[in-house]
Amino acid sequence: MRLNEIDYEGSQPPVDSYGPGGFRVRAAWHDGDLLILPSGLQAGMLSAEGLAPVLAAAAEIDVLLIGTGADIAPLPAVVAPALEQAGIGVEIMSTPSACRTYNVLLAEDRRVAILAVAV
């Protein structure tokens, strides 16, 4: 088996780790929920207001991974229709799964974003 080190280029960083109440990205700890878009990272919020940056970046995103916490949970009623109308594909999963999937898709140079609830 041959192992290759992945080099993430560009402004969109991978999630280094997640833990109690936050995420480590580019060796810096970020408390609370997280949103990483092609333009960079910011505090996230799984709500209608929290979707504004995602909808603004819709032309740059093919799929948005939504990590709903330790377990899979339903989205707030206003979230799914807004993303569908914007033409953004959505995958809902637990936050640990969303972080792993995001890093894999990012390494494949896919047009991906993540909105993850802290665990």
PDB file of N, CA and C in Angstrom:
ATOM      1  N   MET A   1       0.836  -1.167   0.000  1.00  0.00           N
ATOM      2  CA  MET A   1       0.000   0.000   0.000  1.00  0.00           C
ATOM      3  C   MET A   1       0.881   1.229   0.000  1.00  0.00           C
ATOM      4  N   ARG A   2       0.536   2.154  -0.858  1.00  0.00           N
ATOM      5  CA  ARG A   2       1.291   3.389  -0.958  1.00  0.00           C
ATOM      6  C   ARG A   2       0.484   4.518  -0.332  1.00  0.00           C
ATOM      7  N   LEU A   3       1.090   5.269   0.558  1.00  0.00           N
ATOM      8  CA  LEU A   3       0.431   6.390   1.207  1.00  0.00           C
ATOM      9  C   LEU A   3       0.987   7.690   0.656  1.00  0.00           C
ATOM     10  N   ASN A   4       0.102   8.616   0.380  1.00  0.00           N
ATOM     11  CA  ASN A   4       0.503   9.929  -0.112  1.00  0.00           C
ATOM     12  C   ASN A   4       0.016  10.994   0.856  1.00  0.00           C
ATOM     13  N   GLU A   5       0.880  11.938   1.130  1.00  0.00           N
ATOM     14  CA  GLU A   5       0.458  13.050   1.964  1.00  0.00           C
ATOM     15  C   GLU A   5      -0.366  14.006   1.116  1.00  0.00           C
ATOM     16  N   ILE A   6      -1.466  14.461   1.661  1.00  0.00           N
ATOM     17  CA  ILE A   6      -2.355  15.353   0.933  1.00  0.00           C
ATOM     18  C   ILE A   6      -1.937  16.788   1.203  1.00  0.00           C
ATOM     19  N   ASP A   7      -1.868  17.567   0.146  1.00  0.00           N
ATOM     20  CA  ASP A   7      -1.543  18.983   0.252  1.00  0.00           C
ATOM     21  C   ASP A   7      -2.798  19.772  -0.111  1.00  0.00           C
ATOM     22  N   TYR A   8      -3.399  20.406   0.870  1.00  0.00           N
ATOM     23  CA  TYR A   8      -4.592  21.207   0.625  1.00  0.00           C
ATOM     24  C   TYR A   8      -4.150  22.596   0.205  1.00  0.00           C
ATOM     25  N   GLU A   9      -4.515  22.985  -0.988  1.00  0.00           N
ATOM     26  CA  GLU A   9      -4.141  24.299  -1.487  1.00  0.00           C
ATOM     27  C   GLU A   9      -5.345  25.222  -1.449  1.00  0.00           C
ATOM     28  N   GLY A  10      -5.110  26.496  -1.576  1.00  0.00           N
ATOM     29  CA  GLY A  10      -6.201  27.457  -1.641  1.00  0.00           C
ATOM     30  C   GLY A  10      -6.619  27.970  -0.280  1.00  0.00           C
ATOM     31  N   SER A  11      -7.674  28.768  -0.290  1.00  0.00           N
ATOM     32  CA  SER A  11      -8.125  29.405   0.942  1.00  0.00           C
ATOM     33  C   SER A  11      -9.031  28.505   1.768  1.00  0.00           C
ATOM     34  N   GLN A  12      -9.500  27.416   1.191  1.00  0.00           N
ATOM     35  CA  GLN A  12     -10.436  26.549   1.896  1.00  0.00           C
ATOM     36  C   GLN A  12      -9.665  25.469   2.648  1.00  0.00           C
ATOM     37  N   PRO A  13      -9.641  25.559   3.974  1.00  0.00           N
ATOM     38  CA  PRO A  13      -8.836  24.631   4.768  1.00  0.00           C
ATOM     39  C   PRO A  13      -9.595  23.353   5.128  1.00  0.00           C
ATOM     40  N   PRO A  14      -8.871  22.278   5.424  1.00  0.00           N
ATOM     41  CA  PRO A  14      -9.513  21.075   5.951  1.00  0.00           C
ATOM     42  C   PRO A  14      -9.805  21.248   7.446  1.00  0.00           C
ATOM     43  N   VAL A  15     -10.640  20.371   7.968  1.00  0.00           N
ATOM     44  CA  VAL A  15     -10.895  20.329   9.410  1.00  0.00           C
ATOM     45  C   VAL A  15      -9.831  19.417  10.009  1.00  0.00           C
ATOM     46  N   ASP A  16      -8.969  19.972  10.853  1.00  0.00           N
ATOM     47  CA  ASP A  16      -7.908  19.182  11.474  1.00  0.00           C
ATOM     48  C   ASP A  16      -8.464  18.230  12.521  1.00  0.00           C
ATOM     49  N   SER A  17      -9.405  18.727  13.332  1.00  0.00           N
ATOM     50  CA  SER A  17     -10.014  17.886  14.360  1.00  0.00           C
ATOM     51  C   SER A  17     -11.264  18.584  14.889  1.00  0.00           C
ATOM     52  N   TYR A  18     -12.030  17.835  15.640  1.00  0.00           N
ATOM     53  CA  TYR A  18     -13.222  18.376  16.291  1.00  0.00           C
ATOM     54  C   TYR A  18     -13.239  17.805  17.694  1.00  0.00           C
ATOM     55  N   GLY A  19     -13.872  18.509  18.582  1.00  0.00           N
ATOM     56  CA  GLY A  19     -13.893  18.032  19.954  1.00  0.00           C
ATOM     57  C   GLY A  19     -14.939  18.758  20.767  1.00  0.00           C
ATOM     58  N   PRO A  20     -14.761  18.750  22.055  1.00  0.00           N
ATOM     59  CA  PRO A  20     -15.794  19.315  22.925  1.00  0.00           C
ATOM     60  C   PRO A  20     -16.027  20.804  22.652  1.00  0.00           C
ATOM     61  N   GLY A  21     -17.091  21.072  21.923  1.00  0.00           N
ATOM     62  CA  GLY A  21     -17.511  22.446  21.718  1.00  0.00           C
ATOM     63  C   GLY A  21     -16.868  23.205  20.590  1.00  0.00           C
ATOM     64  N   GLY A  22     -16.086  22.562  19.729  1.00  0.00           N
ATOM     65  CA  GLY A  22     -15.472  23.316  18.651  1.00  0.00           C
ATOM     66  C   GLY A  22     -14.665  22.483  17.675  1.00  0.00           C
ATOM     67  N   PHE A  23     -13.838  23.189  16.892  1.00  0.00           N
ATOM     68  CA  PHE A  23     -13.083  22.577  15.807  1.00  0.00           C
ATOM     69  C   PHE A  23     -11.677  23.170  15.745  1.00  0.00           C
ATOM     70  N   ARG A  24     -10.725  22.354  15.313  1.00  0.00           N
ATOM     71  CA  ARG A  24      -9.377  22.845  15.041  1.00  0.00           C
ATOM     72  C   ARG A  24      -9.218  22.916  13.524  1.00  0.00           C
ATOM     73  N   VAL A  25      -8.904  24.120  13.032  1.00  0.00           N
ATOM     74  CA  VAL A  25      -8.710  24.366  11.609  1.00  0.00           C
ATOM     75  C   VAL A  25      -7.449  25.196  11.461  1.00  0.00           C
ATOM     76  N   ARG A  26      -6.536  24.724  10.623  1.00  0.00           N
ATOM     77  CA  ARG A  26      -5.234  25.402  10.442  1.00  0.00           C
ATOM     78  C   ARG A  26      -4.565  25.671  11.781  1.00  0.00           C
ATOM     79  N   ALA A  27      -4.590  24.667  12.632  1.00  0.00           N
ATOM     80  CA  ALA A  27      -3.928  24.683  13.938  1.00  0.00           C
ATOM     81  C   ALA A  27      -4.509  25.703  14.915  1.00  0.00           C
ATOM     82  N   ALA A  28      -5.649  26.300  14.588  1.00  0.00           N
ATOM     83  CA  ALA A  28      -6.295  27.251  15.496  1.00  0.00           C
ATOM     84  C   ALA A  28      -7.630  26.671  15.953  1.00  0.00           C
ATOM     85  N   TRP A  29      -7.949  26.857  17.222  1.00  0.00           N
ATOM     86  CA  TRP A  29      -9.190  26.351  17.786  1.00  0.00           C
ATOM     87  C   TRP A  29     -10.320  27.356  17.553  1.00  0.00           C
ATOM     88  N   HIS A  30     -11.470  26.863  17.097  1.00  0.00           N
ATOM     89  CA  HIS A  30     -12.660  27.688  16.856  1.00  0.00           C
ATOM     90  C   HIS A  30     -13.802  27.139  17.698  1.00  0.00           C
ATOM     91  N   ASP A  31     -14.253  27.914  18.680  1.00  0.00           N
ATOM     92  CA  ASP A  31     -15.368  27.501  19.532  1.00  0.00           C
ATOM     93  C   ASP A  31     -16.677  27.574  18.770  1.00  0.00           C
ATOM     94  N   GLY A  32     -17.572  26.651  19.049  1.00  0.00           N
ATOM     95  CA  GLY A  32     -18.913  26.695  18.492  1.00  0.00           C
ATOM     96  C   GLY A  32     -19.018  26.079  17.113  1.00  0.00           C
ATOM     97  N   ASP A  33     -20.160  26.324  16.470  1.00  0.00           N
ATOM     98  CA  ASP A  33     -20.443  25.771  15.153  1.00  0.00           C
ATOM     99  C   ASP A  33     -19.540  26.417  14.105  1.00  0.00           C
ATOM    100  N   LEU A  34     -19.361  25.713  12.991  1.00  0.00           N
ATOM    101  CA  LEU A  34     -18.372  26.130  11.995  1.00  0.00           C
ATOM    102  C   LEU A  34     -18.961  26.088  10.602  1.00  0.00           C
ATOM    103  N   LEU A  35     -18.608  27.068   9.787  1.00  0.00           N
ATOM    104  CA  LEU A  35     -18.963  27.111   8.378  1.00  0.00           C
ATOM    105  C   LEU A  35     -17.683  27.343   7.589  1.00  0.00           C
ATOM    106  N   ILE A  36     -17.388  26.426   6.659  1.00  0.00           N
ATOM    107  CA  ILE A  36     -16.235  26.623   5.781  1.00  0.00           C
ATOM    108  C   ILE A  36     -16.746  26.654   4.352  1.00  0.00           C
ATOM    109  N   LEU A  37     -16.520  27.783   3.696  1.00  0.00           N
ATOM    110  CA  LEU A  37     -16.905  28.013   2.310  1.00  0.00           C
ATOM    111  C   LEU A  37     -15.647  28.148   1.459  1.00  0.00           C
ATOM    112  N   PRO A  38     -15.780  28.171   0.143  1.00  0.00           N
ATOM    113  CA  PRO A  38     -14.590  28.397  -0.692  1.00  0.00           C
ATOM    114  C   PRO A  38     -13.846  29.682  -0.351  1.00  0.00           C
ATOM    115  N   SER A  39     -14.545  30.667   0.193  1.00  0.00           N
ATOM    116  CA  SER A  39     -13.906  31.937   0.557  1.00  0.00           C
ATOM    117  C   SER A  39     -13.212  31.898   1.905  1.00  0.00           C
ATOM    118  N   GLY A  40     -13.411  30.831   2.688  1.00  0.00           N
ATOM    119  CA  GLY A  40     -12.769  30.722   3.990  1.00  0.00           C
ATOM    120  C   GLY A  40     -13.728  30.251   5.058  1.00  0.00           C
ATOM    121  N   LEU A  41     -13.320  30.406   6.307  1.00  0.00           N
ATOM    122  CA  LEU A  41     -14.144  29.890   7.403  1.00  0.00           C
ATOM    123  C   LEU A  41     -14.691  31.013   8.264  1.00  0.00           C
ATOM    124  N   GLN A  42     -15.792  30.686   8.927  1.00  0.00           N
ATOM    125  CA  GLN A  42     -16.453  31.627   9.827  1.00  0.00           C
ATOM    126  C   GLN A  42     -17.316  30.849  10.797  1.00  0.00           C
ATOM    127  N   ALA A  43     -17.851  31.540  11.769  1.00  0.00           N
ATOM    128  CA  ALA A  43     -18.771  30.892  12.695  1.00  0.00           C
ATOM    129  C   ALA A  43     -20.004  30.465  11.918  1.00  0.00           C
ATOM    130  N   GLY A  44     -20.522  29.297  12.240  1.00  0.00           N
ATOM    131  CA  GLY A  44     -21.685  28.783  11.540  1.00  0.00           C
ATOM    132  C   GLY A  44     -22.911  28.789  12.411  1.00  0.00           C
ATOM    133  N   MET A  45     -24.068  28.667  11.763  1.00  0.00           N
ATOM    134  CA  MET A  45     -25.320  28.589  12.484  1.00  0.00           C
ATOM    135  C   MET A  45     -26.321  27.873  11.590  1.00  0.00           C
ATOM    136  N   LEU A  46     -26.911  26.811  12.098  1.00  0.00           N
ATOM    137  CA  LEU A  46     -27.873  26.026  11.343  1.00  0.00           C
ATOM    138  C   LEU A  46     -29.260  26.638  11.506  1.00  0.00           C
ATOM    139  N   SER A  47     -29.483  27.732  10.744  1.00  0.00           N
ATOM    140  CA  SER A  47     -30.740  28.470  10.812  1.00  0.00           C
ATOM    141  C   SER A  47     -30.905  29.247   9.517  1.00  0.00           C
ATOM    142  N   ALA A  48     -32.034  29.901   9.362  1.00  0.00           N
ATOM    143  CA  ALA A  48     -32.261  30.716   8.171  1.00  0.00           C
ATOM    144  C   ALA A  48     -31.216  31.829   8.073  1.00  0.00           C
ATOM    145  N   GLU A  49     -30.903  32.481   9.199  1.00  0.00           N
ATOM    146  CA  GLU A  49     -29.898  33.550   9.184  1.00  0.00           C
ATOM    147  C   GLU A  49     -28.512  33.007   8.863  1.00  0.00           C
ATOM    148  N   GLY A  50     -28.210  31.831   9.393  1.00  0.00           N
ATOM    149  CA  GLY A  50     -26.906  31.219   9.165  1.00  0.00           C
ATOM    150  C   GLY A  50     -26.681  30.775   7.737  1.00  0.00           C
ATOM    151  N   LEU A  51     -27.756  30.650   6.963  1.00  0.00           N
ATOM    152  CA  LEU A  51     -27.639  30.232   5.564  1.00  0.00           C
ATOM    153  C   LEU A  51     -27.231  31.363   4.625  1.00  0.00           C
ATOM    154  N   ALA A  52     -27.339  32.600   5.055  1.00  0.00           N
ATOM    155  CA  ALA A  52     -27.051  33.735   4.172  1.00  0.00           C
ATOM    156  C   ALA A  52     -25.690  33.628   3.478  1.00  0.00           C
ATOM    157  N   PRO A  53     -24.591  33.329   4.189  1.00  0.00           N
ATOM    158  CA  PRO A  53     -23.308  33.217   3.499  1.00  0.00           C
ATOM    159  C   PRO A  53     -23.260  32.031   2.526  1.00  0.00           C
ATOM    160  N   VAL A  54     -23.947  30.958   2.879  1.00  0.00           N
ATOM    161  CA  VAL A  54     -23.984  29.780   1.994  1.00  0.00           C
ATOM    162  C   VAL A  54     -24.720  30.128   0.708  1.00  0.00           C
ATOM    163  N   LEU A  55     -25.863  30.775   0.838  1.00  0.00           N
ATOM    164  CA  LEU A  55     -26.644  31.147  -0.344  1.00  0.00           C
ATOM    165  C   LEU A  55     -25.891  32.154  -1.209  1.00  0.00           C
ATOM    166  N   ALA A  56     -25.143  33.041  -0.588  1.00  0.00           N
ATOM    167  CA  ALA A  56     -24.344  34.013  -1.343  1.00  0.00           C
ATOM    168  C   ALA A  56     -23.233  33.333  -2.140  1.00  0.00           C
ATOM    169  N   ALA A  57     -22.769  32.185  -1.667  1.00  0.00           N
ATOM    170  CA  ALA A  57     -21.684  31.454  -2.333  1.00  0.00           C
ATOM    171  C   ALA A  57     -22.203  30.286  -3.180  1.00  0.00           C
ATOM    172  N   ALA A  58     -23.495  30.259  -3.457  1.00  0.00           N
ATOM    173  CA  ALA A  58     -24.114  29.123  -4.141  1.00  0.00           C
ATOM    174  C   ALA A  58     -23.442  28.785  -5.474  1.00  0.00           C
ATOM    175  N   ALA A  59     -22.976  29.775  -6.208  1.00  0.00           N
ATOM    176  CA  ALA A  59     -22.347  29.528  -7.507  1.00  0.00           C
ATOM    177  C   ALA A  59     -21.004  28.803  -7.375  1.00  0.00           C
ATOM    178  N   GLU A  60     -20.438  28.787  -6.177  1.00  0.00           N
ATOM    179  CA  GLU A  60     -19.127  28.164  -5.954  1.00  0.00           C
ATOM    180  C   GLU A  60     -19.222  26.816  -5.248  1.00  0.00           C
ATOM    181  N   ILE A  61     -20.448  26.358  -4.930  1.00  0.00           N
ATOM    182  CA  ILE A  61     -20.629  25.143  -4.134  1.00  0.00           C
ATOM    183  C   ILE A  61     -21.492  24.148  -4.898  1.00  0.00           C
ATOM    184  N   ASP A  62     -21.027  22.916  -4.998  1.00  0.00           N
ATOM    185  CA  ASP A  62     -21.844  21.844  -5.558  1.00  0.00           C
ATOM    186  C   ASP A  62     -22.574  21.091  -4.455  1.00  0.00           C
ATOM    187  N   VAL A  63     -21.897  20.901  -3.331  1.00  0.00           N
ATOM    188  CA  VAL A  63     -22.515  20.163  -2.228  1.00  0.00           C
ATOM    189  C   VAL A  63     -22.138  20.809  -0.894  1.00  0.00           C
ATOM    190  N   LEU A  64     -23.142  20.899  -0.031  1.00  0.00           N
ATOM    191  CA  LEU A  64     -22.956  21.384   1.327  1.00  0.00           C
ATOM    192  C   LEU A  64     -23.152  20.201   2.262  1.00  0.00           C
ATOM    193  N   LEU A  65     -22.134  19.890   3.029  1.00  0.00           N
ATOM    194  CA  LEU A  65     -22.236  18.843   4.040  1.00  0.00           C
ATOM    195  C   LEU A  65     -22.694  19.500   5.330  1.00  0.00           C
ATOM    196  N   ILE A  66     -23.753  18.967   5.902  1.00  0.00           N
ATOM    197  CA  ILE A  66     -24.269  19.518   7.148  1.00  0.00           C
ATOM    198  C   ILE A  66     -24.086  18.483   8.243  1.00  0.00           C
ATOM    199  N   GLY A  67     -23.261  18.823   9.215  1.00  0.00           N
ATOM    200  CA  GLY A  67     -23.055  17.975  10.381  1.00  0.00           C
ATOM    201  C   GLY A  67     -23.988  18.446  11.482  1.00  0.00           C
ATOM    202  N   THR A  68     -24.903  17.584  11.890  1.00  0.00           N
ATOM    203  CA  THR A  68     -25.945  17.994  12.829  1.00  0.00           C
ATOM    204  C   THR A  68     -25.616  17.695  14.291  1.00  0.00           C
ATOM    205  N   GLY A  69     -24.370  17.393  14.589  1.00  0.00           N
ATOM    206  CA  GLY A  69     -23.970  17.099  15.961  1.00  0.00           C
ATOM    207  C   GLY A  69     -23.517  15.659  16.097  1.00  0.00           C
ATOM    208  N   ALA A  70     -23.607  15.120  17.290  1.00  0.00           N
ATOM    209  CA  ALA A  70     -23.141  13.756  17.543  1.00  0.00           C
ATOM    210  C   ALA A  70     -23.964  12.721  16.771  1.00  0.00           C
ATOM    211  N   ASP A  71     -25.225  13.031  16.532  1.00  0.00           N
ATOM    212  CA  ASP A  71     -26.122  12.133  15.802  1.00  0.00           C
ATOM    213  C   ASP A  71     -26.779  12.890  14.657  1.00  0.00           C
ATOM    214  N   ILE A  72     -27.312  12.154  13.709  1.00  0.00           N
ATOM    215  CA  ILE A  72     -28.047  12.764  12.612  1.00  0.00           C
ATOM    216  C   ILE A  72     -29.368  13.304  13.168  1.00  0.00           C
ATOM    217  N   ALA A  73     -29.692  14.515  12.782  1.00  0.00           N
ATOM    218  CA  ALA A  73     -30.928  15.155  13.236  1.00  0.00           C
ATOM    219  C   ALA A  73     -31.582  15.845  12.050  1.00  0.00           C
ATOM    220  N   PRO A  74     -32.880  16.041  12.100  1.00  0.00           N
ATOM    221  CA  PRO A  74     -33.556  16.742  11.002  1.00  0.00           C
ATOM    222  C   PRO A  74     -33.145  18.217  10.959  1.00  0.00           C
ATOM    223  N   LEU A  75     -33.200  18.775   9.762  1.00  0.00           N
ATOM    224  CA  LEU A  75     -32.880  20.190   9.583  1.00  0.00           C
ATOM    225  C   LEU A  75     -34.069  21.052   9.985  1.00  0.00           C
ATOM    226  N   PRO A  76     -33.805  22.283  10.402  1.00  0.00           N
ATOM    227  CA  PRO A  76     -34.922  23.209  10.611  1.00  0.00           C
ATOM    228  C   PRO A  76     -35.725  23.347   9.308  1.00  0.00           C
ATOM    229  N   ALA A  77     -37.006  23.526   9.408  1.00  0.00           N
ATOM    230  CA  ALA A  77     -37.904  23.502   8.248  1.00  0.00           C
ATOM    231  C   ALA A  77     -37.522  24.495   7.143  1.00  0.00           C
ATOM    232  N   VAL A  78     -36.947  25.629   7.485  1.00  0.00           N
ATOM    233  CA  VAL A  78     -36.628  26.645   6.472  1.00  0.00           C
ATOM    234  C   VAL A  78     -35.319  26.380   5.734  1.00  0.00           C
ATOM    235  N   VAL A  79     -34.484  25.493   6.244  1.00  0.00           N
ATOM    236  CA  VAL A  79     -33.145  25.295   5.689  1.00  0.00           C
ATOM    237  C   VAL A  79     -33.172  24.549   4.357  1.00  0.00           C
ATOM    238  N   ALA A  80     -33.780  23.382   4.312  1.00  0.00           N
ATOM    239  CA  ALA A  80     -33.751  22.551   3.104  1.00  0.00           C
ATOM    240  C   ALA A  80     -34.357  23.247   1.884  1.00  0.00           C
ATOM    241  N   PRO A  81     -35.534  23.873   1.975  1.00  0.00           N
ATOM    242  CA  PRO A  81     -36.087  24.531   0.789  1.00  0.00           C
ATOM    243  C   PRO A  81     -35.205  25.661   0.247  1.00  0.00           C
ATOM    244  N   ALA A  82     -34.583  26.414   1.144  1.00  0.00           N
ATOM    245  CA  ALA A  82     -33.720  27.514   0.703  1.00  0.00           C
ATOM    246  C   ALA A  82     -32.511  26.991  -0.057  1.00  0.00           C
ATOM    247  N   LEU A  83     -31.913  25.913   0.427  1.00  0.00           N
ATOM    248  CA  LEU A  83     -30.753  25.335  -0.258  1.00  0.00           C
ATOM    249  C   LEU A  83     -31.159  24.705  -1.593  1.00  0.00           C
ATOM    250  N   GLU A  84     -32.303  24.055  -1.617  1.00  0.00           N
ATOM    251  CA  GLU A  84     -32.781  23.449  -2.858  1.00  0.00           C
ATOM    252  C   GLU A  84     -33.053  24.517  -3.915  1.00  0.00           C
ATOM    253  N   GLN A  85     -33.668  25.606  -3.516  1.00  0.00           N
ATOM    254  CA  GLN A  85     -33.967  26.701  -4.444  1.00  0.00           C
ATOM    255  C   GLN A  85     -32.676  27.310  -4.996  1.00  0.00           C
ATOM    256  N   ALA A  86     -31.618  27.323  -4.197  1.00  0.00           N
ATOM    257  CA  ALA A  86     -30.333  27.871  -4.633  1.00  0.00           C
ATOM    258  C   ALA A  86     -29.546  26.885  -5.496  1.00  0.00           C
ATOM    259  N   GLY A  87     -30.030  25.643  -5.593  1.00  0.00           N
ATOM    260  CA  GLY A  87     -29.349  24.642  -6.416  1.00  0.00           C
ATOM    261  C   GLY A  87     -28.150  24.005  -5.750  1.00  0.00           C
ATOM    262  N   ILE A  88     -28.103  24.043  -4.439  1.00  0.00           N
ATOM    263  CA  ILE A  88     -26.992  23.456  -3.697  1.00  0.00           C
ATOM    264  C   ILE A  88     -27.395  22.064  -3.226  1.00  0.00           C
ATOM    265  N   GLY A  89     -26.587  21.064  -3.567  1.00  0.00           N
ATOM    266  CA  GLY A  89     -26.824  19.724  -3.062  1.00  0.00           C
ATOM    267  C   GLY A  89     -26.502  19.670  -1.579  1.00  0.00           C
ATOM    268  N   VAL A  90     -27.268  18.900  -0.838  1.00  0.00           N
ATOM    269  CA  VAL A  90     -27.098  18.832   0.612  1.00  0.00           C
ATOM    270  C   VAL A  90     -26.972  17.381   1.047  1.00  0.00           C
ATOM    271  N   GLU A  91     -26.011  17.127   1.924  1.00  0.00           N
ATOM    272  CA  GLU A  91     -25.863  15.823   2.560  1.00  0.00           C
ATOM    273  C   GLU A  91     -25.886  16.055   4.058  1.00  0.00           C
ATOM    274  N   ILE A  92     -26.809  15.391   4.736  1.00  0.00           N
ATOM    275  CA  ILE A  92     -26.963  15.540   6.178  1.00  0.00           C
ATOM    276  C   ILE A  92     -26.367  14.317   6.851  1.00  0.00           C
ATOM    277  N   MET A  93     -25.525  14.545   7.848  1.00  0.00           N
ATOM    278  CA  MET A  93     -24.884  13.454   8.576  1.00  0.00           C
ATOM    279  C   MET A  93     -24.435  13.954   9.936  1.00  0.00           C
ATOM    280  N   SER A  94     -23.900  13.068  10.744  1.00  0.00           N
ATOM    281  CA  SER A  94     -23.341  13.501  12.021  1.00  0.00           C
ATOM    282  C   SER A  94     -22.128  14.384  11.762  1.00  0.00           C
ATOM    283  N   THR A  95     -21.784  15.212  12.723  1.00  0.00           N
ATOM    284  CA  THR A  95     -20.638  16.104  12.553  1.00  0.00           C
ATOM    285  C   THR A  95     -19.329  15.344  12.314  1.00  0.00           C
ATOM    286  N   PRO A  96     -19.023  14.262  13.059  1.00  0.00           N
ATOM    287  CA  PRO A  96     -17.789  13.537  12.758  1.00  0.00           C
ATOM    288  C   PRO A  96     -17.747  13.022  11.312  1.00  0.00           C
ATOM    289  N   SER A  97     -18.853  12.485  10.832  1.00  0.00           N
ATOM    290  CA  SER A  97     -18.904  11.993   9.451  1.00  0.00           C
ATOM    291  C   SER A  97     -18.774  13.139   8.459  1.00  0.00           C
ATOM    292  N   ALA A  98     -19.403  14.260   8.747  1.00  0.00           N
ATOM    293  CA  ALA A  98     -19.328  15.414   7.853  1.00  0.00           C
ATOM    294  C   ALA A  98     -17.898  15.938   7.745  1.00  0.00           C
ATOM    295  N   CYS A  99     -17.177  15.982   8.856  1.00  0.00           N
ATOM    296  CA  CYS A  99     -15.784  16.459   8.831  1.00  0.00           C
ATOM    297  C   CYS A  99     -14.905  15.533   7.994  1.00  0.00           C
ATOM    298  N   ARG A 100     -15.051  14.233   8.189  1.00  0.00           N
ATOM    299  CA  ARG A 100     -14.251  13.278   7.409  1.00  0.00           C
ATOM    300  C   ARG A 100     -14.585  13.369   5.921  1.00  0.00           C
ATOM    301  N   THR A 101     -15.861  13.408   5.596  1.00  0.00           N
ATOM    302  CA  THR A 101     -16.288  13.469   4.199  1.00  0.00           C
ATOM    303  C   THR A 101     -15.832  14.773   3.551  1.00  0.00           C
ATOM    304  N   TYR A 102     -15.945  15.867   4.278  1.00  0.00           N
ATOM    305  CA  TYR A 102     -15.495  17.163   3.774  1.00  0.00           C
ATOM    306  C   TYR A 102     -14.014  17.117   3.401  1.00  0.00           C
ATOM    307  N   ASN A 103     -13.187  16.572   4.286  1.00  0.00           N
ATOM    308  CA  ASN A 103     -11.751  16.511   4.010  1.00  0.00           C
ATOM    309  C   ASN A 103     -11.445  15.662   2.780  1.00  0.00           C
ATOM    310  N   VAL A 104     -12.155  14.549   2.608  1.00  0.00           N
ATOM    311  CA  VAL A 104     -11.940  13.690   1.435  1.00  0.00           C
ATOM    312  C   VAL A 104     -12.331  14.435   0.164  1.00  0.00           C
ATOM    313  N   LEU A 105     -13.500  15.056   0.152  1.00  0.00           N
ATOM    314  CA  LEU A 105     -13.941  15.779  -1.036  1.00  0.00           C
ATOM    315  C   LEU A 105     -13.054  16.980  -1.335  1.00  0.00           C
ATOM    316  N   LEU A 106     -12.599  17.647  -0.303  1.00  0.00           N
ATOM    317  CA  LEU A 106     -11.684  18.773  -0.484  1.00  0.00           C
ATOM    318  C   LEU A 106     -10.370  18.296  -1.108  1.00  0.00           C
ATOM    319  N   ALA A 107      -9.869  17.153  -0.660  1.00  0.00           N
ATOM    320  CA  ALA A 107      -8.633  16.597  -1.223  1.00  0.00           C
ATOM    321  C   ALA A 107      -8.811  16.220  -2.694  1.00  0.00           C
ATOM    322  N   GLU A 108     -10.041  15.897  -3.079  1.00  0.00           N
ATOM    323  CA  GLU A 108     -10.345  15.577  -4.478  1.00  0.00           C
ATOM    324  C   GLU A 108     -10.619  16.833  -5.295  1.00  0.00           C
ATOM    325  N   ASP A 109     -10.428  17.993  -4.693  1.00  0.00           N
ATOM    326  CA  ASP A 109     -10.627  19.283  -5.349  1.00  0.00           C
ATOM    327  C   ASP A 109     -12.069  19.492  -5.786  1.00  0.00           C
ATOM    328  N   ARG A 110     -13.001  19.019  -4.960  1.00  0.00           N
ATOM    329  CA  ARG A 110     -14.424  19.175  -5.249  1.00  0.00           C
ATOM    330  C   ARG A 110     -14.910  20.515  -4.702  1.00  0.00           C
ATOM    331  N   ARG A 111     -16.016  20.987  -5.232  1.00  0.00           N
ATOM    332  CA  ARG A 111     -16.610  22.264  -4.810  1.00  0.00           C
ATOM    333  C   ARG A 111     -17.548  21.983  -3.639  1.00  0.00           C
ATOM    334  N   VAL A 112     -16.958  21.914  -2.459  1.00  0.00           N
ATOM    335  CA  VAL A 112     -17.658  21.473  -1.256  1.00  0.00           C
ATOM    336  C   VAL A 112     -17.576  22.544  -0.176  1.00  0.00           C
ATOM    337  N   ALA A 113     -18.587  22.553   0.683  1.00  0.00           N
ATOM    338  CA  ALA A 113     -18.604  23.413   1.857  1.00  0.00           C
ATOM    339  C   ALA A 113     -19.138  22.577   3.017  1.00  0.00           C
ATOM    340  N   ILE A 114     -18.883  23.040   4.223  1.00  0.00           N
ATOM    341  CA  ILE A 114     -19.378  22.321   5.408  1.00  0.00           C
ATOM    342  C   ILE A 114     -19.972  23.319   6.398  1.00  0.00           C
ATOM    343  N   LEU A 115     -21.098  22.912   6.959  1.00  0.00           N
ATOM    344  CA  LEU A 115     -21.715  23.632   8.064  1.00  0.00           C
ATOM    345  C   LEU A 115     -21.869  22.588   9.161  1.00  0.00           C
ATOM    346  N   ALA A 116     -21.117  22.723  10.231  1.00  0.00           N
ATOM    347  CA  ALA A 116     -21.078  21.675  11.251  1.00  0.00           C
ATOM    348  C   ALA A 116     -21.406  22.223  12.636  1.00  0.00           C
ATOM    349  N   VAL A 117     -22.307  21.514  13.296  1.00  0.00           N
ATOM    350  CA  VAL A 117     -22.668  21.822  14.680  1.00  0.00           C
ATOM    351  C   VAL A 117     -21.609  21.185  15.581  1.00  0.00           C
ATOM    352  N   ALA A 118     -21.095  21.940  16.524  1.00  0.00           N
ATOM    353  CA  ALA A 118     -20.058  21.428  17.427  1.00  0.00           C
ATOM    354  C   ALA A 118     -20.609  20.267  18.264  1.00  0.00           C
ATOM    355  N   VAL A 119     -19.736  19.310  18.526  1.00  0.00           N
ATOM    356  CA  VAL A 119     -20.108  18.157  19.363  1.00  0.00           C
ATOM    357  C   VAL A 119     -19.474  18.288  20.730  1.00  0.00           C
TER     358      VAL A 119
END
